């Protein structure tokens, strides 16, 4: 990442050095996940759509610990594997919007709340800024040597302290998560000057 672009990492010290943690990352471009994996202070295991695991990418992604998920169904294997990462004290990366979009956390899915409430792992909000435009040489990628800002926020627990995992508790946690992620994104833009 440092060879092709100019990433600037802010707040990495806020990621707990040990124990389970969930990185909740905005997602505006395909480069966001690899950019975070290349700059995060700890190895990150992302839930990645199964369609990405094709050809030589399949053994590569599997080899670096990425988790295949079938987004067309409730993929129990992916859920079990993701919870296993957290149970083993690892870092789970999630795009709470579910897919690429505006990268503004305007619409998040309940999966993030489920993993956080179920595992008890704190959520660290992460904003990847600078990936929103294509380059001249390779339109599918941001311009080479362009600047990225990867801004880590303060860890938080989205639960209400009751330990409940009911639908209502998860819905309320999702609302709290969206508020925190949106506030982090605004703060990240201010800190990075974007």
N, C-alpha and C. Protein backbone atom coordinates (compact mmCIF):
# COMPACT_ATOMS: atom_id res chain seq x y z
N UNK A 1 0.83 -1.20 0.00
CA UNK A 1 0.00 0.00 0.00
C UNK A 1 0.87 1.26 0.00
N UNK A 2 1.97 1.21 0.77
CA UNK A 2 2.86 2.37 0.83
C UNK A 2 3.62 2.60 -0.47
N UNK A 3 3.74 1.57 -1.29
CA UNK A 3 4.44 1.71 -2.56
C UNK A 3 3.56 2.37 -3.61
N UNK A 4 2.29 1.97 -3.65
CA UNK A 4 1.39 2.46 -4.69
C UNK A 4 0.67 3.76 -4.33
N UNK A 5 0.37 3.94 -3.03
CA UNK A 5 -0.34 5.14 -2.58
C UNK A 5 0.37 5.73 -1.37
N UNK A 6 -0.18 6.79 -0.85
CA UNK A 6 0.41 7.44 0.32
C UNK A 6 -0.59 7.41 1.49
N UNK A 7 -0.68 6.26 2.18
CA UNK A 7 -1.61 6.19 3.30
C UNK A 7 -1.09 6.94 4.53
N UNK A 8 -1.98 7.64 5.17
CA UNK A 8 -1.68 8.31 6.44
C UNK A 8 -2.62 7.71 7.48
N UNK A 9 -2.07 7.14 8.52
CA UNK A 9 -2.86 6.46 9.54
C UNK A 9 -2.95 7.36 10.77
N UNK A 10 -4.18 7.59 11.21
CA UNK A 10 -4.43 8.42 12.39
C UNK A 10 -5.20 7.60 13.43
N UNK A 11 -4.77 7.64 14.67
CA UNK A 11 -5.49 7.01 15.77
C UNK A 11 -5.32 5.51 15.90
N UNK A 12 -4.33 4.91 15.25
CA UNK A 12 -4.15 3.46 15.34
C UNK A 12 -3.94 3.00 16.79
N UNK A 13 -3.44 3.88 17.63
CA UNK A 13 -3.22 3.54 19.04
C UNK A 13 -4.54 3.21 19.75
N UNK A 14 -5.67 3.57 19.16
CA UNK A 14 -6.97 3.30 19.80
C UNK A 14 -7.43 1.85 19.62
N UNK A 15 -6.79 1.13 18.71
CA UNK A 15 -7.13 -0.29 18.54
C UNK A 15 -6.51 -1.07 19.69
N UNK A 16 -7.32 -1.79 20.50
CA UNK A 16 -6.75 -2.55 21.60
C UNK A 16 -5.64 -3.48 21.10
N UNK A 17 -4.54 -3.54 21.84
CA UNK A 17 -3.37 -4.32 21.43
C UNK A 17 -3.61 -5.82 21.51
N UNK A 18 -4.53 -6.24 22.37
CA UNK A 18 -4.83 -7.67 22.52
C UNK A 18 -6.33 -7.83 22.68
N UNK A 19 -6.77 -9.05 22.54
CA UNK A 19 -8.18 -9.37 22.75
C UNK A 19 -9.02 -9.13 21.51
N UNK A 20 -10.25 -9.62 21.55
CA UNK A 20 -11.13 -9.50 20.39
C UNK A 20 -11.54 -8.05 20.15
N UNK A 21 -11.63 -7.70 18.88
CA UNK A 21 -12.09 -6.36 18.51
C UNK A 21 -12.70 -6.44 17.12
N UNK A 22 -13.68 -5.57 16.88
CA UNK A 22 -14.33 -5.49 15.58
C UNK A 22 -14.01 -4.12 14.99
N UNK A 23 -13.46 -4.12 13.77
CA UNK A 23 -13.23 -2.87 13.07
C UNK A 23 -14.41 -2.65 12.12
N UNK A 24 -15.15 -1.57 12.33
CA UNK A 24 -16.31 -1.24 11.49
C UNK A 24 -15.86 -0.17 10.50
N UNK A 25 -15.77 -0.54 9.22
CA UNK A 25 -15.12 0.28 8.20
C UNK A 25 -16.13 0.76 7.17
N UNK A 26 -16.04 2.04 6.80
CA UNK A 26 -16.87 2.52 5.70
C UNK A 26 -16.38 1.89 4.40
N UNK A 27 -17.25 1.86 3.38
CA UNK A 27 -16.89 1.11 2.17
C UNK A 27 -17.38 1.83 0.93
N UNK A 28 -16.48 2.59 0.30
CA UNK A 28 -16.82 3.32 -0.91
C UNK A 28 -16.13 2.72 -2.14
N UNK A 29 -15.10 1.88 -1.92
CA UNK A 29 -14.31 1.38 -3.04
C UNK A 29 -13.72 0.01 -2.69
N UNK A 30 -13.42 -0.79 -3.72
CA UNK A 30 -12.81 -2.11 -3.49
C UNK A 30 -11.48 -2.03 -2.75
N UNK A 31 -10.80 -0.92 -2.85
CA UNK A 31 -9.47 -0.77 -2.25
C UNK A 31 -9.54 -0.58 -0.71
N UNK A 32 -10.72 -0.27 -0.18
CA UNK A 32 -10.84 0.03 1.25
C UNK A 32 -10.37 -1.12 2.14
N UNK A 33 -10.81 -2.34 1.84
CA UNK A 33 -10.40 -3.50 2.65
C UNK A 33 -8.90 -3.75 2.60
N UNK A 34 -8.32 -3.87 1.39
CA UNK A 34 -6.87 -4.06 1.32
C UNK A 34 -6.09 -2.90 1.96
N UNK A 35 -6.59 -1.68 1.81
CA UNK A 35 -5.90 -0.54 2.42
C UNK A 35 -5.88 -0.68 3.94
N UNK A 36 -7.00 -1.09 4.52
CA UNK A 36 -7.04 -1.28 5.97
C UNK A 36 -6.16 -2.45 6.39
N UNK A 37 -6.21 -3.56 5.64
CA UNK A 37 -5.38 -4.72 5.99
C UNK A 37 -3.90 -4.36 5.96
N UNK A 38 -3.51 -3.48 5.04
CA UNK A 38 -2.11 -3.10 4.92
C UNK A 38 -1.65 -2.06 5.91
N UNK A 39 -2.57 -1.42 6.61
CA UNK A 39 -2.18 -0.34 7.52
C UNK A 39 -2.63 -0.55 8.98
N UNK A 40 -3.47 -1.53 9.23
CA UNK A 40 -3.98 -1.77 10.59
C UNK A 40 -2.86 -2.25 11.50
N UNK A 41 -2.93 -1.91 12.79
CA UNK A 41 -1.88 -2.32 13.72
C UNK A 41 -1.92 -3.81 14.09
N UNK A 42 -3.01 -4.51 13.72
CA UNK A 42 -3.13 -5.94 13.98
C UNK A 42 -3.69 -6.62 12.73
N UNK A 43 -3.42 -7.91 12.54
CA UNK A 43 -4.00 -8.63 11.39
C UNK A 43 -5.53 -8.61 11.44
N UNK A 44 -6.16 -8.39 10.29
CA UNK A 44 -7.62 -8.25 10.21
C UNK A 44 -8.19 -9.37 9.37
N UNK A 45 -9.27 -9.97 9.86
CA UNK A 45 -10.01 -11.01 9.15
C UNK A 45 -11.34 -10.40 8.71
N UNK A 46 -11.51 -10.21 7.40
CA UNK A 46 -12.73 -9.62 6.87
C UNK A 46 -13.71 -10.68 6.42
N UNK A 47 -14.99 -10.37 6.55
CA UNK A 47 -16.03 -11.14 5.89
C UNK A 47 -16.10 -10.61 4.47
N UNK A 48 -15.81 -11.46 3.50
CA UNK A 48 -15.74 -11.05 2.09
C UNK A 48 -16.71 -11.91 1.28
N UNK A 49 -17.43 -11.28 0.37
CA UNK A 49 -18.40 -12.03 -0.45
C UNK A 49 -17.71 -13.18 -1.17
N UNK A 50 -18.42 -14.30 -1.23
CA UNK A 50 -17.84 -15.52 -1.82
C UNK A 50 -17.44 -15.33 -3.27
N UNK A 51 -18.08 -14.40 -3.97
CA UNK A 51 -17.76 -14.16 -5.37
C UNK A 51 -16.33 -13.68 -5.57
N UNK A 52 -15.71 -13.13 -4.54
CA UNK A 52 -14.32 -12.65 -4.65
C UNK A 52 -13.32 -13.80 -4.60
N UNK A 53 -13.75 -14.96 -4.12
CA UNK A 53 -12.86 -16.11 -3.96
C UNK A 53 -12.82 -16.93 -5.24
N UNK A 54 -12.27 -16.33 -6.30
CA UNK A 54 -12.20 -17.02 -7.59
C UNK A 54 -10.75 -17.11 -8.05
N UNK A 55 -10.46 -18.15 -8.82
CA UNK A 55 -9.12 -18.31 -9.38
C UNK A 55 -8.04 -18.24 -8.32
N UNK A 56 -6.93 -17.55 -8.63
CA UNK A 56 -5.81 -17.48 -7.69
C UNK A 56 -6.13 -16.65 -6.44
N UNK A 57 -7.20 -15.86 -6.49
CA UNK A 57 -7.57 -15.10 -5.29
C UNK A 57 -8.08 -15.99 -4.18
N UNK A 58 -8.70 -17.12 -4.53
CA UNK A 58 -9.26 -18.01 -3.52
C UNK A 58 -8.19 -18.49 -2.53
N UNK A 59 -7.11 -19.17 -2.99
CA UNK A 59 -6.11 -19.61 -2.00
C UNK A 59 -5.40 -18.44 -1.32
N UNK A 60 -5.25 -17.32 -2.04
CA UNK A 60 -4.59 -16.17 -1.43
C UNK A 60 -5.43 -15.60 -0.28
N UNK A 61 -6.71 -15.32 -0.55
CA UNK A 61 -7.58 -14.76 0.49
C UNK A 61 -7.74 -15.72 1.66
N UNK A 62 -7.90 -17.00 1.35
CA UNK A 62 -8.02 -18.00 2.42
C UNK A 62 -6.72 -18.06 3.22
N UNK A 63 -5.59 -18.01 2.53
CA UNK A 63 -4.29 -18.09 3.19
C UNK A 63 -3.99 -16.94 4.12
N UNK A 64 -4.55 -15.76 3.84
CA UNK A 64 -4.31 -14.61 4.72
C UNK A 64 -5.45 -14.44 5.74
N UNK A 65 -6.30 -15.48 5.85
CA UNK A 65 -7.29 -15.51 6.92
C UNK A 65 -8.58 -14.77 6.66
N UNK A 66 -8.91 -14.52 5.39
CA UNK A 66 -10.17 -13.84 5.10
C UNK A 66 -11.30 -14.86 5.09
N UNK A 67 -12.50 -14.40 5.42
CA UNK A 67 -13.64 -15.29 5.61
C UNK A 67 -14.65 -15.15 4.49
N UNK A 68 -14.99 -16.25 3.86
CA UNK A 68 -15.93 -16.28 2.75
C UNK A 68 -17.36 -16.24 3.29
N UNK A 69 -18.20 -15.36 2.72
CA UNK A 69 -19.60 -15.28 3.13
C UNK A 69 -20.52 -15.29 1.92
N UNK A 70 -21.58 -16.07 2.02
CA UNK A 70 -22.62 -16.11 0.99
C UNK A 70 -23.68 -15.11 1.41
N UNK A 71 -23.75 -13.99 0.70
CA UNK A 71 -24.67 -12.91 1.07
C UNK A 71 -26.11 -13.17 0.66
N UNK A 72 -26.36 -14.27 -0.09
CA UNK A 72 -27.72 -14.55 -0.54
C UNK A 72 -28.54 -15.32 0.49
N UNK A 73 -27.90 -15.73 1.56
CA UNK A 73 -28.58 -16.53 2.57
C UNK A 73 -27.98 -16.23 3.95
N UNK A 74 -28.60 -16.75 4.99
CA UNK A 74 -28.01 -16.65 6.33
C UNK A 74 -26.89 -17.69 6.39
N UNK A 75 -25.67 -17.27 6.19
CA UNK A 75 -24.52 -18.16 6.06
C UNK A 75 -23.98 -18.52 7.45
N UNK A 76 -24.43 -19.65 7.97
CA UNK A 76 -24.06 -20.07 9.33
C UNK A 76 -22.57 -20.37 9.46
N UNK A 77 -21.98 -20.90 8.40
CA UNK A 77 -20.55 -21.19 8.44
C UNK A 77 -19.75 -19.91 8.60
N UNK A 78 -20.12 -18.87 7.84
CA UNK A 78 -19.42 -17.59 7.94
C UNK A 78 -19.60 -16.98 9.32
N UNK A 79 -20.81 -17.06 9.86
CA UNK A 79 -21.07 -16.52 11.20
C UNK A 79 -20.23 -17.25 12.24
N UNK A 80 -20.20 -18.58 12.14
CA UNK A 80 -19.40 -19.39 13.08
C UNK A 80 -17.92 -19.04 12.97
N UNK A 81 -17.42 -18.91 11.73
CA UNK A 81 -16.01 -18.58 11.53
C UNK A 81 -15.68 -17.19 12.08
N UNK A 82 -16.57 -16.22 11.86
CA UNK A 82 -16.34 -14.86 12.36
C UNK A 82 -16.33 -14.83 13.88
N UNK A 83 -17.28 -15.53 14.49
CA UNK A 83 -17.30 -15.60 15.96
C UNK A 83 -16.05 -16.32 16.48
N UNK A 84 -15.55 -17.30 15.72
CA UNK A 84 -14.32 -17.99 16.09
C UNK A 84 -13.12 -17.06 16.12
N UNK A 85 -13.05 -16.14 15.15
CA UNK A 85 -11.97 -15.15 15.14
C UNK A 85 -12.00 -14.35 16.45
N UNK A 86 -13.19 -13.92 16.83
CA UNK A 86 -13.33 -13.11 18.05
C UNK A 86 -13.07 -13.95 19.30
N UNK A 87 -13.56 -15.18 19.33
CA UNK A 87 -13.32 -16.06 20.48
C UNK A 87 -11.84 -16.32 20.69
N UNK A 88 -11.08 -16.31 19.59
CA UNK A 88 -9.63 -16.53 19.67
C UNK A 88 -8.84 -15.24 19.89
N UNK A 89 -9.55 -14.14 20.18
CA UNK A 89 -8.88 -12.87 20.47
C UNK A 89 -8.42 -12.11 19.25
N UNK A 90 -8.99 -12.41 18.08
CA UNK A 90 -8.57 -11.77 16.84
C UNK A 90 -9.37 -10.53 16.50
N UNK A 91 -9.04 -9.98 15.34
CA UNK A 91 -9.68 -8.76 14.84
C UNK A 91 -10.56 -9.12 13.65
N UNK A 92 -11.84 -8.79 13.77
CA UNK A 92 -12.80 -9.02 12.70
C UNK A 92 -13.10 -7.69 12.02
N UNK A 93 -12.94 -7.64 10.72
CA UNK A 93 -13.27 -6.44 9.95
C UNK A 93 -14.62 -6.60 9.30
N UNK A 94 -15.47 -5.59 9.46
CA UNK A 94 -16.82 -5.64 8.89
C UNK A 94 -17.11 -4.33 8.18
N UNK A 95 -17.71 -4.44 7.01
CA UNK A 95 -18.27 -3.28 6.31
C UNK A 95 -19.75 -3.26 6.70
N UNK A 96 -20.15 -2.43 7.67
CA UNK A 96 -21.52 -2.48 8.18
C UNK A 96 -22.58 -2.12 7.15
N UNK A 97 -22.16 -1.46 6.05
CA UNK A 97 -23.13 -1.12 5.01
C UNK A 97 -23.45 -2.34 4.15
N UNK A 98 -22.67 -3.41 4.31
CA UNK A 98 -22.92 -4.65 3.60
C UNK A 98 -22.29 -4.74 2.23
N UNK A 99 -22.15 -3.63 1.56
CA UNK A 99 -21.57 -3.59 0.22
C UNK A 99 -21.04 -2.19 -0.04
N UNK A 100 -20.35 -2.03 -1.15
CA UNK A 100 -19.86 -0.70 -1.48
C UNK A 100 -21.03 0.25 -1.69
N UNK A 101 -20.82 1.47 -1.28
CA UNK A 101 -21.86 2.49 -1.45
C UNK A 101 -21.22 3.85 -1.31
N UNK A 102 -21.95 4.74 -0.67
CA UNK A 102 -21.44 6.09 -0.46
C UNK A 102 -20.34 6.16 0.58
N UNK A 103 -20.16 5.09 1.35
CA UNK A 103 -19.13 5.08 2.37
C UNK A 103 -19.42 6.02 3.52
N UNK A 104 -20.72 6.31 3.73
CA UNK A 104 -21.08 7.30 4.75
C UNK A 104 -21.86 6.72 5.93
N UNK A 105 -21.95 5.40 6.01
CA UNK A 105 -22.66 4.69 7.08
C UNK A 105 -24.14 5.07 7.14
N UNK A 106 -24.72 5.53 6.03
CA UNK A 106 -26.12 5.96 6.05
C UNK A 106 -27.09 4.79 6.20
N UNK A 107 -26.67 3.60 5.80
CA UNK A 107 -27.54 2.44 5.91
C UNK A 107 -26.69 1.25 6.35
N UNK A 108 -26.84 0.85 7.60
CA UNK A 108 -26.04 -0.27 8.08
C UNK A 108 -26.94 -1.45 8.41
N UNK A 109 -26.36 -2.62 8.33
CA UNK A 109 -27.09 -3.86 8.59
C UNK A 109 -26.90 -4.29 10.05
N UNK A 110 -27.76 -5.18 10.49
CA UNK A 110 -27.76 -5.61 11.89
C UNK A 110 -26.64 -6.58 12.23
N UNK A 111 -25.92 -7.10 11.23
CA UNK A 111 -24.88 -8.09 11.49
C UNK A 111 -23.80 -7.59 12.43
N UNK A 112 -23.40 -6.35 12.30
CA UNK A 112 -22.37 -5.78 13.17
C UNK A 112 -22.83 -5.81 14.63
N UNK A 113 -24.06 -5.40 14.88
CA UNK A 113 -24.59 -5.43 16.25
C UNK A 113 -24.61 -6.86 16.78
N UNK A 114 -25.00 -7.80 15.95
CA UNK A 114 -25.05 -9.20 16.37
C UNK A 114 -23.67 -9.67 16.83
N UNK A 115 -22.65 -9.45 15.99
CA UNK A 115 -21.30 -9.91 16.36
C UNK A 115 -20.79 -9.23 17.62
N UNK A 116 -21.05 -7.93 17.76
CA UNK A 116 -20.57 -7.20 18.93
C UNK A 116 -21.27 -7.64 20.21
N UNK A 117 -22.60 -7.74 20.15
CA UNK A 117 -23.37 -8.12 21.34
C UNK A 117 -23.10 -9.58 21.69
N UNK A 118 -23.06 -10.43 20.70
CA UNK A 118 -22.84 -11.86 20.95
C UNK A 118 -21.46 -12.13 21.53
N UNK A 119 -20.42 -11.46 21.00
CA UNK A 119 -19.05 -11.75 21.43
C UNK A 119 -18.58 -10.89 22.60
N UNK A 120 -19.20 -9.72 22.78
CA UNK A 120 -18.73 -8.79 23.80
C UNK A 120 -17.52 -7.99 23.35
N UNK A 121 -17.12 -8.15 22.08
CA UNK A 121 -15.94 -7.43 21.55
C UNK A 121 -16.29 -5.96 21.32
N UNK A 122 -15.37 -5.05 21.65
CA UNK A 122 -15.62 -3.64 21.36
C UNK A 122 -15.55 -3.38 19.85
N UNK A 123 -16.23 -2.33 19.44
CA UNK A 123 -16.19 -1.90 18.04
C UNK A 123 -15.27 -0.69 17.95
N UNK A 124 -14.36 -0.71 16.99
CA UNK A 124 -13.53 0.45 16.69
C UNK A 124 -13.99 0.98 15.33
N UNK A 125 -14.54 2.20 15.28
CA UNK A 125 -14.93 2.75 13.99
C UNK A 125 -13.69 3.13 13.17
N UNK A 126 -13.75 2.88 11.87
CA UNK A 126 -12.62 3.20 10.99
C UNK A 126 -13.17 3.90 9.74
N UNK A 127 -12.56 5.04 9.41
CA UNK A 127 -12.91 5.75 8.19
C UNK A 127 -11.73 5.67 7.23
N UNK A 128 -11.98 5.15 6.03
CA UNK A 128 -10.98 5.15 4.96
C UNK A 128 -11.41 6.25 4.00
N UNK A 129 -10.58 7.28 3.90
CA UNK A 129 -10.91 8.45 3.08
C UNK A 129 -9.90 8.59 1.95
N UNK A 130 -10.41 8.88 0.76
CA UNK A 130 -9.52 9.09 -0.38
C UNK A 130 -9.69 8.08 -1.49
N UNK A 131 -10.60 7.11 -1.30
CA UNK A 131 -10.74 6.05 -2.30
C UNK A 131 -11.87 6.31 -3.29
N UNK A 132 -12.52 7.42 -3.17
CA UNK A 132 -13.73 7.66 -3.95
C UNK A 132 -13.55 8.02 -5.41
N UNK A 133 -12.34 8.17 -5.90
CA UNK A 133 -12.18 8.55 -7.31
C UNK A 133 -11.24 7.60 -8.03
N UNK A 134 -11.46 7.42 -9.33
CA UNK A 134 -10.64 6.53 -10.15
C UNK A 134 -9.48 7.27 -10.78
N UNK A 135 -8.45 6.53 -11.12
CA UNK A 135 -7.27 7.13 -11.74
C UNK A 135 -7.34 7.09 -13.26
N UNK A 136 -6.40 7.76 -13.89
CA UNK A 136 -6.34 7.78 -15.36
C UNK A 136 -5.79 6.48 -15.92
N UNK A 137 -4.74 5.94 -15.29
CA UNK A 137 -4.12 4.73 -15.81
C UNK A 137 -5.00 3.50 -15.60
N UNK A 138 -5.54 3.36 -14.41
CA UNK A 138 -6.42 2.24 -14.09
C UNK A 138 -7.68 2.82 -13.46
N UNK A 139 -8.73 3.03 -14.26
CA UNK A 139 -9.95 3.68 -13.75
C UNK A 139 -10.58 2.99 -12.54
N UNK A 140 -10.35 1.68 -12.40
CA UNK A 140 -10.94 0.95 -11.28
C UNK A 140 -10.22 1.21 -9.96
N UNK A 141 -9.06 1.87 -10.01
CA UNK A 141 -8.28 2.15 -8.80
C UNK A 141 -8.07 3.65 -8.64
N UNK A 142 -7.93 4.10 -7.40
CA UNK A 142 -7.59 5.51 -7.19
C UNK A 142 -6.24 5.82 -7.83
N UNK A 143 -6.00 7.08 -8.19
CA UNK A 143 -4.73 7.44 -8.83
C UNK A 143 -3.53 6.99 -7.99
N UNK A 144 -2.51 6.46 -8.67
CA UNK A 144 -1.29 6.05 -7.98
C UNK A 144 -0.67 7.23 -7.25
N UNK A 145 -0.12 6.97 -6.09
CA UNK A 145 0.54 7.95 -5.22
C UNK A 145 -0.44 8.97 -4.62
N UNK A 146 -1.76 8.72 -4.76
CA UNK A 146 -2.71 9.62 -4.12
C UNK A 146 -2.75 9.33 -2.62
N UNK A 147 -3.20 10.31 -1.86
CA UNK A 147 -3.20 10.19 -0.41
C UNK A 147 -4.49 9.53 0.09
N UNK A 148 -4.33 8.64 1.02
CA UNK A 148 -5.44 8.03 1.75
C UNK A 148 -5.30 8.42 3.21
N UNK A 149 -6.41 8.58 3.88
CA UNK A 149 -6.40 8.74 5.32
C UNK A 149 -7.18 7.59 5.92
N UNK A 150 -6.55 6.86 6.83
CA UNK A 150 -7.20 5.77 7.55
C UNK A 150 -7.27 6.23 8.99
N UNK A 151 -8.49 6.52 9.45
CA UNK A 151 -8.68 7.13 10.77
C UNK A 151 -9.42 6.16 11.69
N UNK A 152 -8.74 5.74 12.75
CA UNK A 152 -9.32 4.84 13.75
C UNK A 152 -9.94 5.67 14.86
N UNK A 153 -11.13 5.26 15.31
CA UNK A 153 -11.81 5.98 16.37
C UNK A 153 -11.73 5.26 17.70
N UNK A 154 -12.41 5.82 18.66
CA UNK A 154 -12.42 5.28 20.02
C UNK A 154 -13.28 4.02 20.10
N UNK A 155 -12.77 2.95 20.74
CA UNK A 155 -13.56 1.72 20.87
C UNK A 155 -14.81 1.98 21.71
N UNK A 156 -15.89 1.26 21.38
CA UNK A 156 -17.11 1.38 22.18
C UNK A 156 -17.87 0.06 22.20
N UNK A 157 -18.71 -0.08 23.22
CA UNK A 157 -19.58 -1.25 23.36
C UNK A 157 -20.99 -0.79 23.00
N UNK A 158 -21.59 -1.37 21.96
CA UNK A 158 -22.91 -0.90 21.53
C UNK A 158 -24.07 -1.44 22.35
N UNK A 159 -23.80 -2.39 23.24
CA UNK A 159 -24.88 -2.99 24.03
C UNK A 159 -25.44 -2.02 25.06
N UNK A 160 -26.53 -2.42 25.65
CA UNK A 160 -27.16 -1.59 26.67
C UNK A 160 -26.77 -2.02 28.08
N UNK A 161 -25.85 -2.98 28.17
CA UNK A 161 -25.38 -3.45 29.47
C UNK A 161 -26.17 -4.62 30.01
N UNK A 162 -27.29 -4.95 29.38
CA UNK A 162 -28.15 -6.03 29.88
C UNK A 162 -27.68 -7.42 29.42
N UNK A 163 -26.91 -7.46 28.34
CA UNK A 163 -26.49 -8.74 27.78
C UNK A 163 -27.56 -9.41 26.94
N UNK A 164 -28.70 -8.73 26.77
CA UNK A 164 -29.79 -9.30 25.97
C UNK A 164 -29.40 -9.38 24.50
N UNK A 165 -29.90 -10.43 23.83
CA UNK A 165 -29.66 -10.60 22.40
C UNK A 165 -30.97 -10.69 21.63
N UNK A 166 -32.01 -10.07 22.15
CA UNK A 166 -33.31 -10.09 21.49
C UNK A 166 -33.26 -9.22 20.24
N UNK A 167 -34.26 -9.39 19.39
CA UNK A 167 -34.35 -8.58 18.17
C UNK A 167 -34.38 -7.10 18.53
N UNK A 168 -35.14 -6.76 19.57
CA UNK A 168 -35.24 -5.36 20.00
C UNK A 168 -33.89 -4.83 20.48
N UNK A 169 -33.18 -5.63 21.25
CA UNK A 169 -31.87 -5.22 21.76
C UNK A 169 -30.89 -5.00 20.60
N UNK A 170 -30.92 -5.89 19.59
CA UNK A 170 -30.03 -5.74 18.44
C UNK A 170 -30.41 -4.52 17.60
N UNK A 171 -31.71 -4.27 17.45
CA UNK A 171 -32.14 -3.08 16.70
C UNK A 171 -31.68 -1.80 17.40
N UNK A 172 -31.81 -1.78 18.73
CA UNK A 172 -31.36 -0.60 19.49
C UNK A 172 -29.84 -0.44 19.39
N UNK A 173 -29.12 -1.55 19.45
CA UNK A 173 -27.66 -1.50 19.31
C UNK A 173 -27.27 -0.99 17.93
N UNK A 174 -28.00 -1.40 16.90
CA UNK A 174 -27.72 -0.95 15.53
C UNK A 174 -27.88 0.57 15.42
N UNK A 175 -28.89 1.11 16.07
CA UNK A 175 -29.09 2.57 16.06
C UNK A 175 -27.92 3.26 16.75
N UNK A 176 -27.50 2.73 17.91
CA UNK A 176 -26.35 3.32 18.61
C UNK A 176 -25.08 3.24 17.76
N UNK A 177 -24.90 2.10 17.10
CA UNK A 177 -23.72 1.93 16.25
C UNK A 177 -23.73 2.95 15.12
N UNK A 178 -24.86 3.09 14.46
CA UNK A 178 -24.93 4.03 13.33
C UNK A 178 -24.62 5.46 13.78
N UNK A 179 -25.12 5.84 14.93
CA UNK A 179 -24.83 7.18 15.46
C UNK A 179 -23.34 7.35 15.71
N UNK A 180 -22.70 6.36 16.31
CA UNK A 180 -21.27 6.45 16.61
C UNK A 180 -20.43 6.46 15.34
N UNK A 181 -20.79 5.60 14.37
CA UNK A 181 -20.02 5.53 13.13
C UNK A 181 -20.15 6.82 12.32
N UNK A 182 -21.35 7.36 12.25
CA UNK A 182 -21.57 8.61 11.52
C UNK A 182 -20.79 9.75 12.17
N UNK A 183 -20.82 9.83 13.50
CA UNK A 183 -20.06 10.87 14.21
C UNK A 183 -18.56 10.69 13.97
N UNK A 184 -18.10 9.44 13.97
CA UNK A 184 -16.67 9.19 13.72
C UNK A 184 -16.27 9.64 12.32
N UNK A 185 -17.10 9.36 11.34
CA UNK A 185 -16.79 9.74 9.97
C UNK A 185 -16.66 11.26 9.85
N UNK A 186 -17.56 11.99 10.48
CA UNK A 186 -17.48 13.46 10.45
C UNK A 186 -16.20 13.95 11.13
N UNK A 187 -15.87 13.33 12.27
CA UNK A 187 -14.66 13.70 12.99
C UNK A 187 -13.41 13.36 12.16
N UNK A 188 -13.44 12.21 11.48
CA UNK A 188 -12.31 11.80 10.64
C UNK A 188 -12.09 12.79 9.51
N UNK A 189 -13.15 13.26 8.91
CA UNK A 189 -13.03 14.26 7.83
C UNK A 189 -12.42 15.54 8.37
N UNK A 190 -12.83 15.93 9.56
CA UNK A 190 -12.29 17.14 10.17
C UNK A 190 -10.80 16.96 10.50
N UNK A 191 -10.44 15.83 11.11
CA UNK A 191 -9.05 15.58 11.48
C UNK A 191 -8.13 15.49 10.27
N UNK A 192 -8.64 14.93 9.17
CA UNK A 192 -7.81 14.71 7.99
C UNK A 192 -7.84 15.90 7.02
N UNK A 193 -8.73 16.85 7.27
CA UNK A 193 -8.84 18.00 6.38
C UNK A 193 -9.56 17.68 5.09
N UNK A 194 -10.40 16.67 5.08
CA UNK A 194 -11.14 16.29 3.86
C UNK A 194 -12.55 16.81 3.88
